[in-house]
Amino acid sequence: MVTLIKNFNFFSFFLSFVFLAFSAGAQTNRQVDLSHFKNNGKVKVNARGDYLDVSWPADDGMTGRLVLSLTENTPLFKSISLEKGSSVTEIASDLHPEFLVTIGKRDLISQNGWNIFFDNVYKKPYQTYRLRLHGRHAAVSTSGSRTIIKIGTIGAEDFKGALEVTLYNYSPLFNIAAAIATETDSTAIIYDAGLAGKSLRSKKTAWFTTDDSYTSQEAQDEDSSRNVTVKYRAIATESTNGNLAVFPAPHQYFYPLDEAFNLNFTWYGSQYRKMVEGYGIGIRQDLYGDNRFVPWFNAPPGTQQRLH
């Protein structure tokens, strides 16, 4: 999940993978399907040229704005901003979402099929892949007070699906998810995710330590990535314009363990796991957990796995 905070103490809100956009009115674009979008005045969509602008009501009378690039091989999030009246504050620009999925093999024979719990997947062969986004065709739909934007095709190895950005009316939060599925049996996964882009190098990275101390770190080009232990499961960028925080979707990220250890569930820096291009911030799972049973997530054939 991602959240935007304008001139606000960073952790007043916790972040989920979300981005903001603007639009003056619904228009048509050959790359954008608006057939399931309800133009009720609260959310505005403008498909113009190579960009998709979406705006929605955030909190405190502000409007969130997200500008998405429909051009292949460019940062997906061209601009993320908050607006109030005639005042426009850009929180971040030129960012791309990153997902690393680690694929392993579930033992469905020795115990209870998909009900198996005591199965050390990490002790068997596994491989980590960076999900790739292909195509920038988009579909915008309305679901109650939510707006869902599906972008292109995303996948790796035998997983395939779409990138989804969900906006929530009257909230600066937005959710970014890779909704993917596989047809390969006996598959278990875990994943890391984040946002990356050159613009993050000009901002500080901030978080709360587990003893509730606020910490900020200047970004350096030569930084290698670091895994950090944080409170609130969130990590953020900090600048004079505002803050953008990233954190996992509640109740949908942490696999069950016998005890609740904080295993450095966030990351920041350059070249995360030598797979993410450039500087970024994000969330992560530990491949080995607490070195006991690490269940990972089941991915039965044909079931959609939402990597938030």
Protein backbone atom coordinates (compact mmCIF):
# COMPACT_ATOMS: atom_id res chain seq x y z
CA MET A 1 0.00 0.00 0.00
CA VAL A 2 1.10 3.57 -0.57
CA THR A 3 -0.02 6.82 0.98
CA LEU A 4 0.61 10.47 0.29
CA ILE A 5 1.12 13.03 2.99
CA LYS A 6 1.40 16.75 2.26
CA ASN A 7 3.40 18.79 4.78
CA PHE A 8 2.58 16.21 7.43
CA ASN A 9 4.48 14.19 9.97
CA PHE A 10 5.43 11.12 7.93
CA PHE A 11 3.79 8.44 10.01
CA SER A 12 0.48 10.19 10.50
CA PHE A 13 -0.56 7.82 7.72
CA PHE A 14 0.82 4.43 6.83
CA LEU A 15 1.44 3.65 3.22
CA SER A 16 0.14 1.15 0.88
CA PHE A 17 1.00 0.72 -2.78
CA VAL A 18 -1.01 3.63 -4.14
CA PHE A 19 -0.51 6.47 -6.59
CA LEU A 20 -2.38 9.64 -7.49
CA ALA A 21 -3.60 11.17 -10.73
CA PHE A 22 -5.76 13.89 -12.28
CA SER A 23 -8.27 14.24 -15.03
CA ALA A 24 -10.68 16.85 -16.23
CA GLY A 25 -13.28 14.52 -17.69
CA ALA A 26 -13.74 11.13 -19.25
CA GLN A 27 -12.36 10.93 -22.77
CA THR A 28 -11.48 8.02 -25.02
CA ASN A 29 -8.13 6.58 -25.95
CA ARG A 30 -7.50 3.43 -27.96
CA GLN A 31 -5.32 2.09 -25.12
CA VAL A 32 -7.88 2.80 -22.38
CA ASP A 33 -11.16 0.96 -21.70
CA LEU A 34 -13.64 3.08 -19.73
CA SER A 35 -16.70 0.92 -20.34
CA HIS A 36 -16.93 -0.09 -16.65
CA PHE A 37 -16.09 3.32 -15.21
CA LYS A 38 -18.95 5.29 -13.60
CA ASN A 39 -18.46 8.98 -14.26
CA ASN A 40 -20.29 10.24 -11.16
CA GLY A 41 -18.18 13.34 -10.63
CA LYS A 42 -16.12 12.10 -7.67
CA VAL A 43 -13.37 10.48 -9.71
CA LYS A 44 -12.16 12.08 -12.94
CA VAL A 45 -10.42 10.18 -15.74
CA ASN A 46 -8.69 11.72 -18.71
CA ALA A 47 -7.00 9.49 -21.29
CA ARG A 48 -4.87 11.93 -23.25
CA GLY A 49 -2.23 10.81 -25.69
CA ASP A 50 0.40 8.72 -23.94
CA TYR A 51 -0.89 9.44 -20.43
CA LEU A 52 -3.77 8.40 -18.21
CA ASP A 53 -4.75 11.06 -15.64
CA VAL A 54 -6.90 10.05 -12.70
CA SER A 55 -7.99 12.23 -9.79
CA TRP A 56 -10.06 11.30 -6.76
CA PRO A 57 -11.15 12.93 -3.47
CA ALA A 58 -8.50 12.44 -0.77
CA ASP A 59 -8.80 13.68 2.81
CA ASP A 60 -8.99 17.22 4.27
CA GLY A 61 -10.54 18.64 1.11
CA MET A 62 -7.58 17.56 -1.01
CA THR A 63 -7.61 15.79 -4.36
CA GLY A 64 -5.20 13.00 -5.18
CA ARG A 65 -3.77 12.94 -8.67
CA LEU A 66 -2.02 10.12 -10.47
CA VAL A 67 -0.54 10.42 -13.96
CA LEU A 68 0.31 7.07 -15.53
CA SER A 69 2.53 6.66 -18.58
CA LEU A 70 1.09 4.46 -21.34
CA THR A 71 4.45 4.34 -23.14
CA GLU A 72 6.41 1.10 -22.92
CA ASN A 73 9.76 1.14 -21.05
CA THR A 74 9.05 4.39 -19.18
CA PRO A 75 8.35 4.85 -15.44
CA LEU A 76 4.69 3.95 -14.94
CA PHE A 77 3.98 6.66 -12.38
CA LYS A 78 4.82 9.87 -14.22
CA SER A 79 3.51 12.02 -11.39
CA ILE A 80 2.01 11.58 -7.93
CA SER A 81 0.51 14.72 -6.42
CA LEU A 82 -1.98 16.27 -4.02
CA GLU A 83 -4.10 19.29 -4.93
CA LYS A 84 -6.11 21.72 -2.84
CA GLY A 85 -7.86 24.53 -4.63
CA SER A 86 -5.38 26.01 -7.08
CA SER A 87 -2.40 24.65 -5.13
CA VAL A 88 -0.69 21.57 -6.62
CA THR A 89 2.01 19.70 -4.69
CA GLU A 90 3.91 16.96 -6.49
CA ILE A 91 4.92 14.30 -3.97
CA ALA A 92 6.93 12.09 -6.35
CA SER A 93 7.59 11.57 -10.05
CA ASP A 94 8.93 8.99 -12.51
CA LEU A 95 8.57 5.93 -10.29
CA HIS A 96 8.06 2.33 -11.30
CA PRO A 97 6.56 -0.45 -9.15
CA GLU A 98 8.76 -3.47 -8.48
CA PHE A 99 7.76 -7.03 -7.62
CA LEU A 100 10.13 -9.92 -6.97
CA VAL A 101 8.39 -13.30 -6.69
CA THR A 102 10.24 -16.31 -5.28
CA ILE A 103 8.81 -19.58 -6.59
CA GLY A 104 9.25 -22.88 -4.77
CA LYS A 105 7.79 -26.37 -4.69
CA ARG A 106 5.11 -27.48 -2.23
CA ASP A 107 5.08 -31.11 -0.96
CA LEU A 108 1.51 -32.27 -1.68
CA ILE A 109 2.19 -35.98 -1.26
CA SER A 110 3.61 -36.75 2.18
CA GLN A 111 0.87 -35.02 4.20
CA ASN A 112 -2.51 -33.45 3.45
CA GLY A 113 -2.23 -31.99 -0.03
CA TRP A 114 -2.79 -28.22 -0.08
CA ASN A 115 -3.52 -28.32 3.68
CA ILE A 116 0.12 -29.08 4.42
CA PHE A 117 1.71 -26.75 6.96
CA PHE A 118 4.97 -28.35 8.08
CA ASP A 119 6.75 -28.01 4.75
CA ASN A 120 10.14 -26.30 4.47
CA VAL A 121 9.87 -24.98 0.93
CA TYR A 122 13.10 -22.98 1.27
CA LYS A 123 15.10 -26.20 1.73
CA LYS A 124 14.06 -27.34 -1.75
CA PRO A 125 15.03 -25.69 -5.06
CA TYR A 126 13.53 -22.22 -5.59
CA GLN A 127 14.13 -19.26 -7.86
CA THR A 128 13.43 -15.52 -7.60
CA TYR A 129 12.13 -13.59 -10.62
CA ARG A 130 11.52 -9.92 -11.26
CA LEU A 131 8.01 -9.42 -12.64
CA ARG A 132 8.03 -7.60 -15.97
CA LEU A 133 5.29 -5.26 -17.17
CA HIS A 134 4.50 -5.52 -20.87
CA GLY A 135 2.03 -3.38 -22.78
CA ARG A 136 0.41 -0.26 -21.37
CA HIS A 137 -3.21 -0.86 -22.33
CA ALA A 138 -5.43 0.14 -19.41
CA ALA A 139 -8.94 -0.52 -18.12
CA VAL A 140 -10.60 1.70 -15.50
CA SER A 141 -13.57 0.39 -13.53
CA THR A 142 -15.70 1.47 -10.58
CA SER A 143 -16.41 -0.84 -7.62
CA GLY A 144 -18.45 0.96 -4.98
CA SER A 145 -16.28 3.78 -3.63
CA ARG A 146 -13.15 2.30 -5.21
CA THR A 147 -11.60 2.91 -8.61
CA ILE A 148 -9.55 0.08 -10.10
CA ILE A 149 -7.01 0.67 -12.87
CA LYS A 150 -5.65 -2.41 -14.63
CA ILE A 151 -2.45 -1.90 -16.61
CA GLY A 152 -0.86 -4.16 -19.22
CA THR A 153 0.35 -7.71 -18.65
CA ILE A 154 2.75 -8.53 -15.84
CA GLY A 155 4.51 -11.80 -15.17
CA ALA A 156 7.58 -13.99 -14.88
CA GLU A 157 8.34 -17.65 -15.50
CA ASP A 158 4.91 -19.35 -15.65
CA PHE A 159 3.03 -16.64 -13.70
CA LYS A 160 1.01 -14.12 -15.67
CA GLY A 161 -1.59 -11.44 -14.91
CA ALA A 162 -2.14 -7.69 -14.71
CA LEU A 163 -0.95 -4.78 -12.60
CA GLU A 164 -3.79 -3.22 -10.60
CA VAL A 165 -3.89 0.18 -8.90
CA THR A 166 -6.84 0.72 -6.55
CA LEU A 167 -7.87 4.20 -5.39
CA TYR A 168 -10.08 4.80 -2.35
CA ASN A 169 -12.45 7.76 -2.19
CA TYR A 170 -11.71 10.16 0.69
CA SER A 171 -8.34 8.60 1.43
CA PRO A 172 -4.78 9.39 0.23
CA LEU A 173 -4.04 5.65 0.27
CA PHE A 174 -3.79 3.62 -2.88
CA ASN A 175 -2.99 -0.05 -3.41
CA ILE A 176 -0.64 -1.45 -6.04
CA ALA A 177 -0.94 -5.17 -6.73
CA ALA A 178 0.40 -7.67 -9.23
CA ALA A 179 -2.56 -10.03 -9.75
CA ILE A 180 -0.98 -13.15 -11.21
CA ALA A 181 -1.73 -16.86 -11.63
CA THR A 182 0.08 -20.04 -12.67
CA GLU A 183 -1.01 -23.37 -14.15
CA THR A 184 1.90 -25.24 -12.55
CA ASP A 185 0.87 -27.56 -9.72
CA SER A 186 2.46 -27.73 -6.25
CA THR A 187 3.65 -24.11 -6.36
CA ALA A 188 4.37 -21.95 -3.29
CA ILE A 189 5.59 -18.35 -3.35
CA ILE A 190 6.74 -15.39 -1.31
CA TYR A 191 7.42 -11.91 -2.66
CA ASP A 192 9.11 -8.54 -2.19
CA ALA A 193 7.74 -5.27 -3.57
CA GLY A 194 8.52 -1.58 -3.74
CA LEU A 195 8.80 1.65 -5.69
CA ALA A 196 11.97 2.76 -7.44
CA GLY A 197 13.14 5.70 -9.49
CA LYS A 198 15.84 8.35 -9.83
CA SER A 199 13.72 11.00 -8.10
CA LEU A 200 13.94 9.11 -4.78
CA ARG A 201 17.68 9.83 -4.57
CA SER A 202 16.90 13.51 -3.92
CA LYS A 203 14.76 12.65 -0.88
CA LYS A 204 15.45 11.28 2.56
CA THR A 205 14.36 7.79 3.52
CA ALA A 206 12.50 7.69 6.84
CA TRP A 207 11.07 5.18 9.29
CA PHE A 208 10.34 4.56 12.95
CA THR A 209 12.60 2.14 14.78
CA THR A 210 11.10 -0.54 17.01
CA ASP A 211 11.75 1.67 20.07
CA ASP A 212 9.62 4.40 18.43
CA SER A 213 12.53 6.65 17.43
CA TYR A 214 12.12 8.58 14.19
CA THR A 215 15.03 8.01 11.79
CA SER A 216 15.82 9.58 8.43
CA GLN A 217 18.64 8.77 6.03
CA GLU A 218 20.07 10.82 3.17
CA ALA A 219 19.94 8.88 -0.08
CA GLN A 220 23.28 8.32 -1.80
CA ASP A 221 23.79 7.14 -5.38
CA GLU A 222 26.42 4.67 -4.28
CA ASP A 223 24.27 3.15 -1.56
CA SER A 224 23.69 -0.55 -1.80
CA SER A 225 20.30 -1.67 -0.52
CA ARG A 226 19.72 -2.29 3.17
CA ASN A 227 17.10 -4.34 4.99
CA VAL A 228 15.78 -2.53 8.07
CA THR A 229 13.70 -3.35 11.13
CA VAL A 230 10.89 -0.82 11.48
CA LYS A 231 7.81 -0.13 13.55
CA TYR A 232 4.43 0.14 11.80
CA ARG A 233 5.73 -2.04 8.91
CA ALA A 234 6.24 1.15 6.88
CA ILE A 235 9.09 2.99 5.19
CA ALA A 236 8.84 6.36 3.47
CA THR A 237 10.45 9.10 1.45
CA GLU A 238 10.65 12.50 3.11
CA SER A 239 10.90 15.92 1.41
CA THR A 240 9.72 19.49 1.87
CA ASN A 241 6.78 18.84 -0.48
CA GLY A 242 5.46 15.87 1.44
CA ASN A 243 6.01 12.19 2.15
CA LEU A 244 5.20 8.95 0.40
CA ALA A 245 5.12 5.79 2.50
CA VAL A 246 5.01 2.11 1.53
CA PHE A 247 3.66 -0.75 3.64
CA PRO A 248 2.04 -4.16 3.12
CA ALA A 249 -1.69 -4.72 2.78
CA PRO A 250 -3.01 -5.61 6.27
CA HIS A 251 -3.52 -9.33 7.00
CA GLN A 252 -2.39 -10.31 3.50
CA TYR A 253 1.39 -10.32 3.60
CA PHE A 254 2.84 -12.19 6.56
CA TYR A 255 2.78 -15.98 6.52
CA PRO A 256 2.11 -17.69 9.88
CA LEU A 257 5.02 -18.40 12.18
CA ASP A 258 5.12 -19.87 15.68
CA GLU A 259 6.32 -16.53 17.07
CA ALA A 260 6.09 -12.96 15.78
CA PHE A 261 9.67 -11.88 15.05
CA ASN A 262 10.49 -8.66 13.22
CA LEU A 263 12.70 -9.97 10.41
CA ASN A 264 13.68 -6.70 8.68
CA PHE A 265 10.50 -6.51 6.62
CA THR A 266 11.41 -3.29 4.77
CA TRP A 267 14.24 -2.25 2.47
CA TYR A 268 15.73 0.87 0.88
CA GLY A 269 18.64 1.76 -1.36
CA SER A 270 20.08 0.94 -4.76
CA GLN A 271 19.96 -2.35 -6.65
CA TYR A 272 17.84 -4.26 -4.14
CA ARG A 273 18.82 -7.96 -4.29
CA LYS A 274 20.76 -6.99 -7.44
CA MET A 275 17.45 -7.23 -9.31
CA VAL A 276 15.69 -3.88 -8.83
CA GLU A 277 17.05 -1.14 -11.06
CA GLY A 278 17.98 2.09 -9.30
CA TYR A 279 17.10 3.50 -5.88
CA GLY A 280 13.93 2.38 -4.16
CA ILE A 281 11.98 1.68 -0.99
CA GLY A 282 9.81 -1.33 -0.27
CA ILE A 283 8.69 -4.34 1.71
CA ARG A 284 10.23 -7.80 1.84
CA GLN A 285 9.82 -11.35 3.12
CA ASP A 286 12.61 -13.40 4.64
CA LEU A 287 13.29 -16.56 2.63
CA TYR A 288 14.29 -18.47 5.76
CA GLY A 289 11.85 -16.97 8.26
CA ASP A 290 12.93 -17.79 11.79
CA ASN A 291 14.83 -20.86 10.52
CA ARG A 292 12.03 -23.17 11.57
CA PHE A 293 8.93 -23.92 9.50
CA VAL A 294 8.34 -21.22 6.87
CA PRO A 295 4.98 -21.98 5.20
CA TRP A 296 5.20 -19.54 2.25
CA PHE A 297 1.95 -18.94 0.29
CA ASN A 298 0.06 -21.60 -1.66
CA ALA A 299 -0.49 -20.86 -5.35
CA PRO A 300 -2.76 -23.63 -6.69
CA PRO A 301 -3.18 -23.74 -10.48
CA GLY A 302 -5.53 -21.11 -11.85
CA THR A 303 -5.90 -19.16 -8.58
CA GLN A 304 -5.16 -15.45 -8.63
CA GLN A 305 -2.36 -14.42 -6.29
CA ARG A 306 -2.48 -10.73 -5.36
CA LEU A 307 0.99 -9.42 -4.55
CA HIS A 308 0.15 -6.13 -2.77
